[in-house]
Amino acid sequence: MARIFKPKYPKMRMVEGPDGKKRREPVKDGKGRAVYKESRKWYIEYRDASDSVRRVPGYSDKMATEQLAADLERRAARERVGVIEVSHD
């Protein structure tokens, strides 16, 4: 079964460092913890024909990403039983 999720990443801002150069640092909330944003795209994690976990980007629409995940799993299952050749992408 494929896993569909939206990864979270820290929100960044540009600050001037002590040496005068600009650098990126995470935005902090009132308690000093990093503020996280959610990705716009959905991502899919599934097991391919060689039984290794693959993570591929999906779409911004969850239903379309679920259909892509089903297609990827179906293809991996067919490759496992030898119905189609394994592609090395």
Protein backbone atom coordinates (compact mmCIF):
# COMPACT_ATOMS: atom_id res chain seq x y z
CA MET A 1 0.00 0.00 0.00
CA ALA A 2 1.39 3.36 -1.01
CA ARG A 3 1.66 6.20 1.46
CA ILE A 4 0.50 9.64 0.30
CA PHE A 5 1.66 12.64 2.31
CA LYS A 6 2.63 16.31 2.21
CA PRO A 7 6.11 16.84 3.67
CA LYS A 8 6.76 19.73 6.02
CA TYR A 9 9.83 21.93 5.87
CA PRO A 10 11.06 24.87 7.97
CA LYS A 11 10.03 28.35 6.84
CA MET A 12 13.21 30.33 6.13
CA ARG A 13 14.09 34.04 6.12
CA MET A 14 17.12 36.07 5.07
CA VAL A 15 19.17 37.67 7.85
CA GLU A 16 22.45 39.51 7.93
CA GLY A 17 25.12 37.57 9.78
CA PRO A 18 27.82 38.96 12.08
CA ASP A 19 30.23 39.12 9.13
CA GLY A 20 27.78 41.24 7.09
CA LYS A 21 26.87 38.45 4.66
CA LYS A 22 23.26 37.46 4.12
CA ARG A 23 22.25 33.96 5.12
CA ARG A 24 19.07 31.96 5.61
CA GLU A 25 17.79 30.91 8.99
CA PRO A 26 14.53 29.31 10.16
CA VAL A 27 11.70 31.53 11.36
CA LYS A 28 10.99 30.98 15.08
CA ASP A 29 7.66 31.23 16.91
CA GLY A 30 7.16 32.91 20.30
CA LYS A 31 8.56 29.87 22.14
CA GLY A 32 11.72 29.65 20.02
CA ARG A 33 10.60 26.67 17.93
CA ALA A 34 10.96 26.58 14.15
CA VAL A 35 7.84 27.33 12.10
CA TYR A 36 7.08 24.66 9.48
CA LYS A 37 5.27 24.96 6.16
CA GLU A 38 3.49 22.19 4.29
CA SER A 39 4.52 21.36 0.73
CA ARG A 40 2.13 22.32 -2.07
CA LYS A 41 2.55 18.92 -3.72
CA TRP A 42 1.54 15.53 -2.43
CA TYR A 43 4.26 12.85 -2.40
CA ILE A 44 4.01 9.08 -2.79
CA GLU A 45 6.09 6.40 -1.04
CA TYR A 46 5.74 2.89 -2.43
CA ARG A 47 7.75 -0.32 -2.86
CA ASP A 48 9.01 -0.96 -6.37
CA ALA A 49 9.62 -4.32 -8.06
CA SER A 50 12.99 -4.77 -6.31
CA ASP A 51 11.24 -4.16 -2.94
CA SER A 52 13.01 -0.88 -2.24
CA VAL A 53 11.06 2.14 -1.02
CA ARG A 54 10.71 4.89 -3.61
CA ARG A 55 9.51 8.45 -2.99
CA VAL A 56 8.10 10.29 -5.99
CA PRO A 57 6.37 13.67 -6.25
CA GLY A 58 2.70 13.62 -7.09
CA TYR A 59 0.36 16.48 -7.89
CA SER A 60 -1.20 19.31 -5.91
CA ASP A 61 -4.54 17.48 -6.24
CA LYS A 62 -4.85 14.59 -3.78
CA MET A 63 -7.25 12.51 -5.92
CA ALA A 64 -4.90 12.68 -8.93
CA THR A 65 -1.99 11.70 -6.68
CA GLU A 66 -3.95 8.72 -5.33
CA GLN A 67 -4.56 7.55 -8.91
CA LEU A 68 -0.86 7.93 -9.72
CA ALA A 69 0.00 5.91 -6.60
CA ALA A 70 -2.36 3.13 -7.68
CA ASP A 71 -0.75 3.08 -11.14
CA LEU A 72 2.76 2.92 -9.67
CA GLU A 73 1.80 0.06 -7.33
CA ARG A 74 0.08 -1.82 -10.14
CA ARG A 75 3.17 -1.45 -12.34
CA ALA A 76 5.46 -2.64 -9.52
CA ALA A 77 3.24 -5.69 -8.92
CA ARG A 78 3.35 -6.58 -12.62
CA GLU A 79 7.13 -6.20 -12.70
CA ARG A 80 7.45 -8.47 -9.62
CA VAL A 81 5.58 -11.34 -11.28
CA GLY A 82 7.30 -10.81 -14.64
CA VAL A 83 4.34 -9.64 -16.72
CA ILE A 84 6.33 -6.59 -17.84
CA GLU A 85 10.06 -5.95 -17.88
CA VAL A 86 11.67 -4.03 -15.04
CA SER A 87 12.63 -0.54 -16.17
CA HIS A 88 15.69 1.05 -14.60
CA ASP A 89 14.65 4.71 -14.41
